[in-house]
Amino acid sequence: MQSVNRNRPSNDIVLQQELAQNIAHRQQQIATTRRIDRASEDPAAWSEISNIAKVQANMGAWLRNIDRGLSIAAQADGAMSEVNGQLARTTELLVQASNETISAVDRETIAQEVEDIGRTIEDLLDQDNGFGRPLFSLGPPLEIPIDDDMVAVAAPSRAGFNALAPLITNIADTIRIGDANQRNALLDPLRVQSDIAANILGNHGIENDRLLQGAARLEDRKIDVSEYRASLEETDITLAITETQKLLVSLEAAQAAYARIQQSSLFDQIR
């Protein structure tokens, strides 16, 4: 006959309690879809999940940087495209003003338009970005961190355009008071500055592509990392249901066995 200690449950009862606890734990995993809720359940996986969370936080910050960079880059692209258009117009006006058949009044009108172009270019280059900072930095180009040890330029430095203001002022003055040779002599430096502005715009397009490629790369990594984290953290529902069913069968068997033992013990006591 099995001995009974009122102060300590029997091994059969302990087994049933453990099975019931395991069933409850599996049911919670199924309900929450989370396999791990605390480090003690799987220390190695918990540590790995913590590291993954830091990586995900970094990727989120880089993606926000890229979004900000793309916004600034779009604004800079629009401004520089307008600058290039204004320089092309300045070239047309300078060629027109070099024609000896036009009057002094016409040259004055052309000179005034060139001065307006100069002011427009200055306004384009002096504007702030959407975050309240100068769009074109007076110092180094605005670099945006987009990954570990990787940056992209959201907007170039203003330094590349510094020669434009004095050149356009000189062009306006020469149209007013210079001769044909002096006006024609300004075409080459204007072409040089136009080429420089066009190259800056072209390089900016390359940097914009780096931002777009960085975003695409991070989005792909974000999916991979999320899937890996899910494999560590989330419940395999099919497996958990199968294990729960097995535990339920084991619990029913343990309860039945315990009932038979208790019934046998009772009969022994009656005899």
C-alpha atoms as a PDB file:
ATOM      1  CA  MET A   1       0.000   0.000   0.000  1.00  0.00           C
ATOM      2  CA  GLN A   2       1.253   3.506  -0.827  1.00  0.00           C
ATOM      3  CA  SER A   3       2.124   5.528   2.278  1.00  0.00           C
ATOM      4  CA  VAL A   4       0.401   8.846   2.775  1.00  0.00           C
ATOM      5  CA  ASN A   5       2.131  11.918   4.184  1.00  0.00           C
ATOM      6  CA  ARG A   6      -0.370  14.669   4.806  1.00  0.00           C
ATOM      7  CA  ASN A   7       2.358  17.340   4.790  1.00  0.00           C
ATOM      8  CA  ARG A   8       3.819  16.455   1.386  1.00  0.00           C
ATOM      9  CA  PRO A   9       1.999  15.562  -1.828  1.00  0.00           C
ATOM     10  CA  SER A  10       2.725  12.170  -3.331  1.00  0.00           C
ATOM     11  CA  ASN A  11       4.886  11.758  -6.429  1.00  0.00           C
ATOM     12  CA  ASP A  12       1.720  11.092  -8.439  1.00  0.00           C
ATOM     13  CA  ILE A  13       0.227  14.434  -7.403  1.00  0.00           C
ATOM     14  CA  VAL A  14       3.526  16.258  -8.097  1.00  0.00           C
ATOM     15  CA  LEU A  15       3.586  14.715 -11.571  1.00  0.00           C
ATOM     16  CA  GLN A  16       0.025  15.871 -12.246  1.00  0.00           C
ATOM     17  CA  GLN A  17       0.864  19.383 -11.033  1.00  0.00           C
ATOM     18  CA  GLU A  18       3.926  19.557 -13.295  1.00  0.00           C
ATOM     19  CA  LEU A  19       1.913  18.336 -16.271  1.00  0.00           C
ATOM     20  CA  ALA A  20      -0.824  20.887 -15.552  1.00  0.00           C
ATOM     21  CA  GLN A  21       1.774  23.668 -15.297  1.00  0.00           C
ATOM     22  CA  ASN A  22       3.372  22.637 -18.586  1.00  0.00           C
ATOM     23  CA  ILE A  23      -0.037  22.547 -20.253  1.00  0.00           C
ATOM     24  CA  ALA A  24      -0.857  26.030 -18.941  1.00  0.00           C
ATOM     25  CA  HIS A  25       2.525  27.282 -20.159  1.00  0.00           C
ATOM     26  CA  ARG A  26       1.987  25.831 -23.646  1.00  0.00           C
ATOM     27  CA  GLN A  27      -1.519  27.298 -23.777  1.00  0.00           C
ATOM     28  CA  GLN A  28      -0.118  30.707 -22.849  1.00  0.00           C
ATOM     29  CA  GLN A  29       2.486  30.395 -25.613  1.00  0.00           C
ATOM     30  CA  ILE A  30      -0.283  29.599 -28.095  1.00  0.00           C
ATOM     31  CA  ALA A  31      -2.450  32.503 -26.899  1.00  0.00           C
ATOM     32  CA  THR A  32       0.354  35.103 -26.908  1.00  0.00           C
ATOM     33  CA  THR A  33       2.352  33.534 -29.790  1.00  0.00           C
ATOM     34  CA  ARG A  34       5.454  34.207 -27.673  1.00  0.00           C
ATOM     35  CA  ARG A  35       7.741  31.325 -26.839  1.00  0.00           C
ATOM     36  CA  ILE A  36       9.909  33.274 -24.378  1.00  0.00           C
ATOM     37  CA  ASP A  37       8.734  35.824 -21.819  1.00  0.00           C
ATOM     38  CA  ARG A  38      11.743  35.865 -19.503  1.00  0.00           C
ATOM     39  CA  ALA A  39      15.437  35.035 -19.642  1.00  0.00           C
ATOM     40  CA  SER A  40      15.172  31.952 -17.440  1.00  0.00           C
ATOM     41  CA  GLU A  41      13.081  30.163 -20.074  1.00  0.00           C
ATOM     42  CA  ASP A  42      15.946  30.156 -22.628  1.00  0.00           C
ATOM     43  CA  PRO A  43      18.980  32.253 -21.582  1.00  0.00           C
ATOM     44  CA  ALA A  44      20.837  31.830 -24.883  1.00  0.00           C
ATOM     45  CA  ALA A  45      17.851  32.780 -27.028  1.00  0.00           C
ATOM     46  CA  TRP A  46      16.975  35.661 -24.687  1.00  0.00           C
ATOM     47  CA  SER A  47      20.498  37.079 -25.066  1.00  0.00           C
ATOM     48  CA  GLU A  48      20.311  36.734 -28.832  1.00  0.00           C
ATOM     49  CA  ILE A  49      16.920  38.443 -28.909  1.00  0.00           C
ATOM     50  CA  SER A  50      18.331  41.346 -26.864  1.00  0.00           C
ATOM     51  CA  ASN A  51      21.158  41.765 -29.373  1.00  0.00           C
ATOM     52  CA  ILE A  52      18.718  41.616 -32.264  1.00  0.00           C
ATOM     53  CA  ALA A  53      16.577  44.308 -30.614  1.00  0.00           C
ATOM     54  CA  LYS A  54      19.607  46.629 -30.566  1.00  0.00           C
ATOM     55  CA  VAL A  55      20.269  45.920 -34.252  1.00  0.00           C
ATOM     56  CA  GLN A  56      16.622  46.651 -35.069  1.00  0.00           C
ATOM     57  CA  ALA A  57      16.791  49.929 -33.139  1.00  0.00           C
ATOM     58  CA  ASN A  58      19.881  50.953 -35.116  1.00  0.00           C
ATOM     59  CA  MET A  59      18.233  50.050 -38.405  1.00  0.00           C
ATOM     60  CA  GLY A  60      15.182  52.087 -37.436  1.00  0.00           C
ATOM     61  CA  ALA A  61      17.418  55.099 -36.729  1.00  0.00           C
ATOM     62  CA  TRP A  62      19.244  54.675 -40.054  1.00  0.00           C
ATOM     63  CA  LEU A  63      15.963  54.445 -41.959  1.00  0.00           C
ATOM     64  CA  ARG A  64      14.747  57.630 -40.271  1.00  0.00           C
ATOM     65  CA  ASN A  65      18.044  59.276 -41.237  1.00  0.00           C
ATOM     66  CA  ILE A  66      17.549  58.180 -44.830  1.00  0.00           C
ATOM     67  CA  ASP A  67      13.991  59.537 -44.906  1.00  0.00           C
ATOM     68  CA  ARG A  68      15.312  62.844 -43.639  1.00  0.00           C
ATOM     69  CA  GLY A  69      18.199  62.730 -46.104  1.00  0.00           C
ATOM     70  CA  LEU A  70      15.894  62.022 -49.040  1.00  0.00           C
ATOM     71  CA  SER A  71      13.711  64.982 -48.084  1.00  0.00           C
ATOM     72  CA  ILE A  72      16.745  67.286 -47.979  1.00  0.00           C
ATOM     73  CA  ALA A  73      18.157  65.758 -51.166  1.00  0.00           C
ATOM     74  CA  ALA A  74      14.917  66.387 -53.057  1.00  0.00           C
ATOM     75  CA  GLN A  75      14.904  70.027 -51.951  1.00  0.00           C
ATOM     76  CA  ALA A  76      18.569  70.433 -52.926  1.00  0.00           C
ATOM     77  CA  ASP A  77      17.939  68.785 -56.292  1.00  0.00           C
ATOM     78  CA  GLY A  78      15.143  71.219 -57.055  1.00  0.00           C
ATOM     79  CA  ALA A  79      17.278  74.205 -56.030  1.00  0.00           C
ATOM     80  CA  MET A  80      20.318  73.129 -58.052  1.00  0.00           C
ATOM     81  CA  SER A  81      18.201  72.314 -61.115  1.00  0.00           C
ATOM     82  CA  GLU A  82      16.834  75.853 -60.922  1.00  0.00           C
ATOM     83  CA  VAL A  83      20.368  77.270 -60.547  1.00  0.00           C
ATOM     84  CA  ASN A  84      21.450  75.405 -63.677  1.00  0.00           C
ATOM     85  CA  GLY A  85      18.426  76.749 -65.522  1.00  0.00           C
ATOM     86  CA  GLN A  86      19.238  80.286 -64.427  1.00  0.00           C
ATOM     87  CA  LEU A  87      22.834  79.916 -65.611  1.00  0.00           C
ATOM     88  CA  ALA A  88      21.626  78.704 -68.999  1.00  0.00           C
ATOM     89  CA  ARG A  89      19.421  81.795 -69.211  1.00  0.00           C
ATOM     90  CA  THR A  90      22.383  83.992 -68.253  1.00  0.00           C
ATOM     91  CA  THR A  91      24.376  82.526 -71.141  1.00  0.00           C
ATOM     92  CA  GLU A  92      21.531  83.339 -73.553  1.00  0.00           C
ATOM     93  CA  LEU A  93      21.368  86.917 -72.251  1.00  0.00           C
ATOM     94  CA  LEU A  94      25.131  87.410 -72.471  1.00  0.00           C
ATOM     95  CA  VAL A  95      25.173  86.213 -76.070  1.00  0.00           C
ATOM     96  CA  GLN A  96      22.217  88.474 -76.852  1.00  0.00           C
ATOM     97  CA  ALA A  97      23.903  91.468 -75.216  1.00  0.00           C
ATOM     98  CA  SER A  98      27.061  90.905 -77.278  1.00  0.00           C
ATOM     99  CA  ASN A  99      25.115  91.741 -80.446  1.00  0.00           C
ATOM    100  CA  GLU A 100      26.227  95.230 -81.479  1.00  0.00           C
ATOM    101  CA  THR A 101      22.886  95.948 -83.143  1.00  0.00           C
ATOM    102  CA  ILE A 102      20.908  96.237 -79.890  1.00  0.00           C
ATOM    103  CA  SER A 103      20.434  99.564 -78.162  1.00  0.00           C
ATOM    104  CA  ALA A 104      21.775 100.761 -74.838  1.00  0.00           C
ATOM    105  CA  VAL A 105      18.235 100.639 -73.479  1.00  0.00           C
ATOM    106  CA  ASP A 106      17.961  96.981 -74.440  1.00  0.00           C
ATOM    107  CA  ARG A 107      21.313  96.269 -72.805  1.00  0.00           C
ATOM    108  CA  GLU A 108      20.108  97.900 -69.611  1.00  0.00           C
ATOM    109  CA  THR A 109      17.027  95.686 -69.639  1.00  0.00           C
ATOM    110  CA  ILE A 110      19.233  92.619 -70.152  1.00  0.00           C
ATOM    111  CA  ALA A 111      21.585  93.720 -67.370  1.00  0.00           C
ATOM    112  CA  GLN A 112      18.657  94.083 -64.987  1.00  0.00           C
ATOM    113  CA  GLU A 113      17.441  90.583 -65.832  1.00  0.00           C
ATOM    114  CA  VAL A 114      20.931  89.217 -65.173  1.00  0.00           C
ATOM    115  CA  GLU A 115      20.931  90.962 -61.786  1.00  0.00           C
ATOM    116  CA  ASP A 116      17.553  89.403 -61.023  1.00  0.00           C
ATOM    117  CA  ILE A 117      19.038  86.021 -61.914  1.00  0.00           C
ATOM    118  CA  GLY A 118      21.896  86.680 -59.485  1.00  0.00           C
ATOM    119  CA  ARG A 119      19.451  87.432 -56.683  1.00  0.00           C
ATOM    120  CA  THR A 120      17.375  84.349 -57.526  1.00  0.00           C
ATOM    121  CA  ILE A 121      20.463  82.126 -57.389  1.00  0.00           C
ATOM    122  CA  GLU A 122      21.499  83.626 -54.051  1.00  0.00           C
ATOM    123  CA  ASP A 123      18.022  82.985 -52.644  1.00  0.00           C
ATOM    124  CA  LEU A 124      18.143  79.387 -53.887  1.00  0.00           C
ATOM    125  CA  LEU A 125      21.531  78.797 -52.303  1.00  0.00           C
ATOM    126  CA  ASP A 126      20.732  80.586 -49.028  1.00  0.00           C
ATOM    127  CA  GLN A 127      17.452  78.799 -48.224  1.00  0.00           C
ATOM    128  CA  ASP A 128      16.936  76.560 -45.192  1.00  0.00           C
ATOM    129  CA  ASN A 129      15.969  72.929 -45.440  1.00  0.00           C
ATOM    130  CA  GLY A 130      12.764  71.540 -43.959  1.00  0.00           C
ATOM    131  CA  PHE A 131      14.493  71.020 -40.618  1.00  0.00           C
ATOM    132  CA  GLY A 132      15.493  74.643 -40.100  1.00  0.00           C
ATOM    133  CA  ARG A 133      19.141  74.310 -41.111  1.00  0.00           C
ATOM    134  CA  PRO A 134      20.914  75.768 -44.179  1.00  0.00           C
ATOM    135  CA  LEU A 135      20.170  73.606 -47.200  1.00  0.00           C
ATOM    136  CA  PHE A 136      23.689  74.112 -48.547  1.00  0.00           C
ATOM    137  CA  SER A 137      26.200  74.078 -45.693  1.00  0.00           C
ATOM    138  CA  LEU A 138      28.850  76.771 -45.601  1.00  0.00           C
ATOM    139  CA  GLY A 139      31.268  74.082 -44.417  1.00  0.00           C
ATOM    140  CA  PRO A 140      31.506  70.413 -45.381  1.00  0.00           C
ATOM    141  CA  PRO A 141      28.609  68.746 -47.224  1.00  0.00           C
ATOM    142  CA  LEU A 142      25.726  67.475 -45.088  1.00  0.00           C
ATOM    143  CA  GLU A 143      26.472  63.774 -44.501  1.00  0.00           C
ATOM    144  CA  ILE A 144      23.806  61.362 -43.248  1.00  0.00           C
ATOM    145  CA  PRO A 145      24.748  58.082 -41.455  1.00  0.00           C
ATOM    146  CA  ILE A 146      22.866  55.303 -43.233  1.00  0.00           C
ATOM    147  CA  ASP A 147      24.550  52.159 -41.881  1.00  0.00           C
ATOM    148  CA  ASP A 148      27.581  51.007 -39.918  1.00  0.00           C
ATOM    149  CA  ASP A 149      30.524  53.095 -41.155  1.00  0.00           C
ATOM    150  CA  MET A 150      28.501  54.334 -44.151  1.00  0.00           C
ATOM    151  CA  VAL A 151      27.273  57.837 -44.939  1.00  0.00           C
ATOM    152  CA  ALA A 152      25.606  59.572 -47.867  1.00  0.00           C
ATOM    153  CA  VAL A 153      25.618  63.263 -48.749  1.00  0.00           C
ATOM    154  CA  ALA A 154      22.123  64.730 -48.534  1.00  0.00           C
ATOM    155  CA  ALA A 155      23.158  68.128 -49.914  1.00  0.00           C
ATOM    156  CA  PRO A 156      26.481  69.470 -51.228  1.00  0.00           C
ATOM    157  CA  SER A 157      28.434  72.332 -49.735  1.00  0.00           C
ATOM    158  CA  ARG A 158      27.688  75.853 -50.846  1.00  0.00           C
ATOM    159  CA  ALA A 159      31.412  76.301 -51.513  1.00  0.00           C
ATOM    160  CA  GLY A 160      31.049  74.876 -55.025  1.00  0.00           C
ATOM    161  CA  PHE A 161      28.834  77.814 -55.980  1.00  0.00           C
ATOM    162  CA  ASN A 162      30.846  80.628 -54.386  1.00  0.00           C
ATOM    163  CA  ALA A 163      32.155  81.937 -57.720  1.00  0.00           C
ATOM    164  CA  LEU A 164      28.690  82.516 -59.154  1.00  0.00           C
ATOM    165  CA  ALA A 165      27.725  85.745 -57.381  1.00  0.00           C
ATOM    166  CA  PRO A 166      30.804  87.800 -58.370  1.00  0.00           C
ATOM    167  CA  LEU A 167      30.714  86.387 -61.904  1.00  0.00           C
ATOM    168  CA  ILE A 168      27.068  87.305 -62.452  1.00  0.00           C
ATOM    169  CA  THR A 169      27.628  90.774 -60.994  1.00  0.00           C
ATOM    170  CA  ASN A 170      30.543  91.219 -63.383  1.00  0.00           C
ATOM    171  CA  ILE A 171      28.429  90.040 -66.320  1.00  0.00           C
ATOM    172  CA  ALA A 172      25.663  92.553 -65.516  1.00  0.00           C
ATOM    173  CA  ASP A 173      28.171  95.400 -65.211  1.00  0.00           C
ATOM    174  CA  THR A 174      29.959  94.432 -68.426  1.00  0.00           C
ATOM    175  CA  ILE A 175      26.682  94.260 -70.339  1.00  0.00           C
ATOM    176  CA  ARG A 176      26.005  97.843 -69.245  1.00  0.00           C
ATOM    177  CA  ILE A 177      29.382  99.490 -69.796  1.00  0.00           C
ATOM    178  CA  GLY A 178      31.671  96.989 -71.512  1.00  0.00           C
ATOM    179  CA  ASP A 179      32.370  96.438 -75.178  1.00  0.00           C
ATOM    180  CA  ALA A 180      31.703  93.374 -77.303  1.00  0.00           C
ATOM    181  CA  ASN A 181      35.136  91.867 -76.653  1.00  0.00           C
ATOM    182  CA  GLN A 182      34.724  92.205 -72.890  1.00  0.00           C
ATOM    183  CA  ARG A 183      31.274  90.641 -73.003  1.00  0.00           C
ATOM    184  CA  ASN A 184      32.449  87.755 -75.179  1.00  0.00           C
ATOM    185  CA  ALA A 185      35.384  87.183 -72.819  1.00  0.00           C
ATOM    186  CA  LEU A 186      32.920  86.355 -70.030  1.00  0.00           C
ATOM    187  CA  LEU A 187      31.355  83.474 -71.943  1.00  0.00           C
ATOM    188  CA  ASP A 188      34.173  81.046 -71.104  1.00  0.00           C
ATOM    189  CA  PRO A 189      34.149  81.608 -67.313  1.00  0.00           C
ATOM    190  CA  LEU A 190      30.338  81.390 -67.398  1.00  0.00           C
ATOM    191  CA  ARG A 191      30.555  78.047 -69.211  1.00  0.00           C
ATOM    192  CA  VAL A 192      33.101  76.828 -66.653  1.00  0.00           C
ATOM    193  CA  GLN A 193      30.815  77.720 -63.749  1.00  0.00           C
ATOM    194  CA  SER A 194      27.831  76.220 -65.554  1.00  0.00           C
ATOM    195  CA  ASP A 195      29.789  72.968 -66.005  1.00  0.00           C
ATOM    196  CA  ILE A 196      30.753  72.999 -62.324  1.00  0.00           C
ATOM    197  CA  ALA A 197      27.123  73.485 -61.282  1.00  0.00           C
ATOM    198  CA  ALA A 198      26.029  70.696 -63.637  1.00  0.00           C
ATOM    199  CA  ASN A 199      28.675  68.337 -62.223  1.00  0.00           C
ATOM    200  CA  ILE A 200      27.595  69.115 -58.668  1.00  0.00           C
ATOM    201  CA  LEU A 201      24.021  68.303 -59.645  1.00  0.00           C
ATOM    202  CA  GLY A 202      25.143  65.056 -61.300  1.00  0.00           C
ATOM    203  CA  ASN A 203      27.132  63.987 -58.254  1.00  0.00           C
ATOM    204  CA  HIS A 204      24.155  64.837 -56.102  1.00  0.00           C
ATOM    205  CA  GLY A 205      22.096  62.393 -58.145  1.00  0.00           C
ATOM    206  CA  ILE A 206      24.642  59.681 -57.359  1.00  0.00           C
ATOM    207  CA  GLU A 207      24.390  60.450 -53.641  1.00  0.00           C
ATOM    208  CA  ASN A 208      20.605  60.373 -53.862  1.00  0.00           C
ATOM    209  CA  ASP A 209      20.871  56.887 -55.370  1.00  0.00           C
ATOM    210  CA  ARG A 210      23.064  55.875 -52.411  1.00  0.00           C
ATOM    211  CA  LEU A 211      20.291  56.957 -50.077  1.00  0.00           C
ATOM    212  CA  LEU A 212      17.692  54.995 -52.034  1.00  0.00           C
ATOM    213  CA  GLN A 213      19.895  51.910 -52.232  1.00  0.00           C
ATOM    214  CA  GLY A 214      20.667  52.200 -48.522  1.00  0.00           C
ATOM    215  CA  ALA A 215      16.960  52.297 -47.724  1.00  0.00           C
ATOM    216  CA  ALA A 216      16.276  49.247 -49.901  1.00  0.00           C
ATOM    217  CA  ARG A 217      19.159  47.348 -48.328  1.00  0.00           C
ATOM    218  CA  LEU A 218      18.003  48.173 -44.809  1.00  0.00           C
ATOM    219  CA  GLU A 219      14.423  47.182 -45.581  1.00  0.00           C
ATOM    220  CA  ASP A 220      15.658  43.793 -46.820  1.00  0.00           C
ATOM    221  CA  ARG A 221      17.808  43.354 -43.710  1.00  0.00           C
ATOM    222  CA  LYS A 222      14.917  44.466 -41.541  1.00  0.00           C
ATOM    223  CA  ILE A 223      12.795  41.636 -42.926  1.00  0.00           C
ATOM    224  CA  ASP A 224      15.586  39.071 -42.455  1.00  0.00           C
ATOM    225  CA  VAL A 225      16.307  40.183 -38.890  1.00  0.00           C
ATOM    226  CA  SER A 226      12.599  40.228 -38.001  1.00  0.00           C
ATOM    227  CA  GLU A 227      12.171  36.710 -39.341  1.00  0.00           C
ATOM    228  CA  TYR A 228      15.205  35.492 -37.385  1.00  0.00           C
ATOM    229  CA  ARG A 229      13.927  37.140 -34.204  1.00  0.00           C
ATOM    230  CA  ALA A 230      10.527  35.556 -34.750  1.00  0.00           C
ATOM    231  CA  SER A 231      12.163  32.135 -35.062  1.00  0.00           C
ATOM    232  CA  LEU A 232      13.721  32.652 -31.615  1.00  0.00           C
ATOM    233  CA  GLU A 233      10.903  34.465 -29.877  1.00  0.00           C
ATOM    234  CA  GLU A 234       7.602  33.369 -31.350  1.00  0.00           C
ATOM    235  CA  THR A 235       5.717  30.159 -30.731  1.00  0.00           C
ATOM    236  CA  ASP A 236       5.615  27.434 -33.339  1.00  0.00           C
ATOM    237  CA  ILE A 237       1.832  27.103 -33.076  1.00  0.00           C
ATOM    238  CA  THR A 238       1.633  23.686 -34.743  1.00  0.00           C
ATOM    239  CA  LEU A 239       4.363  22.255 -32.532  1.00  0.00           C
ATOM    240  CA  ALA A 240       2.903  23.852 -29.389  1.00  0.00           C
ATOM    241  CA  ILE A 241      -0.549  22.407 -30.096  1.00  0.00           C
ATOM    242  CA  THR A 242       0.951  18.951 -30.680  1.00  0.00           C
ATOM    243  CA  GLU A 243       2.937  19.168 -27.428  1.00  0.00           C
ATOM    244  CA  THR A 244      -0.143  20.386 -25.545  1.00  0.00           C
ATOM    245  CA  GLN A 245      -2.179  17.462 -26.832  1.00  0.00           C
ATOM    246  CA  LYS A 246       0.543  15.025 -25.739  1.00  0.00           C
ATOM    247  CA  LEU A 247       0.684  16.645 -22.302  1.00  0.00           C
ATOM    248  CA  LEU A 248      -3.106  16.425 -21.978  1.00  0.00           C
ATOM    249  CA  VAL A 249      -2.969  12.724 -22.810  1.00  0.00           C
ATOM    250  CA  SER A 250      -0.196  12.249 -20.230  1.00  0.00           C
ATOM    251  CA  LEU A 251      -2.163  14.179 -17.609  1.00  0.00           C
ATOM    252  CA  GLU A 252      -5.298  12.120 -18.220  1.00  0.00           C
ATOM    253  CA  ALA A 253      -3.249   8.927 -17.934  1.00  0.00           C
ATOM    254  CA  ALA A 254      -1.606  10.107 -14.705  1.00  0.00           C
ATOM    255  CA  GLN A 255      -4.970  11.090 -13.235  1.00  0.00           C
ATOM    256  CA  ALA A 256      -6.457   7.714 -14.178  1.00  0.00           C
ATOM    257  CA  ALA A 257      -3.485   5.855 -12.704  1.00  0.00           C
ATOM    258  CA  TYR A 258      -3.693   7.901  -9.515  1.00  0.00           C
ATOM    259  CA  ALA A 259      -7.430   7.195  -9.243  1.00  0.00           C
ATOM    260  CA  ARG A 260      -6.813   3.450  -9.604  1.00  0.00           C
ATOM    261  CA  ILE A 261      -4.106   3.551  -6.921  1.00  0.00           C
ATOM    262  CA  GLN A 262      -6.358   5.490  -4.566  1.00  0.00           C
ATOM    263  CA  GLN A 263      -9.228   3.079  -5.173  1.00  0.00           C
ATOM    264  CA  SER A 264      -6.928   0.076  -4.569  1.00  0.00           C
ATOM    265  CA  SER A 265      -5.622   1.672  -1.380  1.00  0.00           C
ATOM    266  CA  LEU A 266      -9.195   2.194  -0.159  1.00  0.00           C
ATOM    267  CA  PHE A 267     -10.047  -1.452  -0.769  1.00  0.00           C
ATOM    268  CA  ASP A 268      -6.930  -2.510   1.142  1.00  0.00           C
ATOM    269  CA  GLN A 269      -8.021  -0.394   4.075  1.00  0.00           C
ATOM    270  CA  ILE A 270     -11.547  -1.888   4.005  1.00  0.00           C
ATOM    271  CA  ARG A 271     -10.169  -5.430   4.064  1.00  0.00           C
END
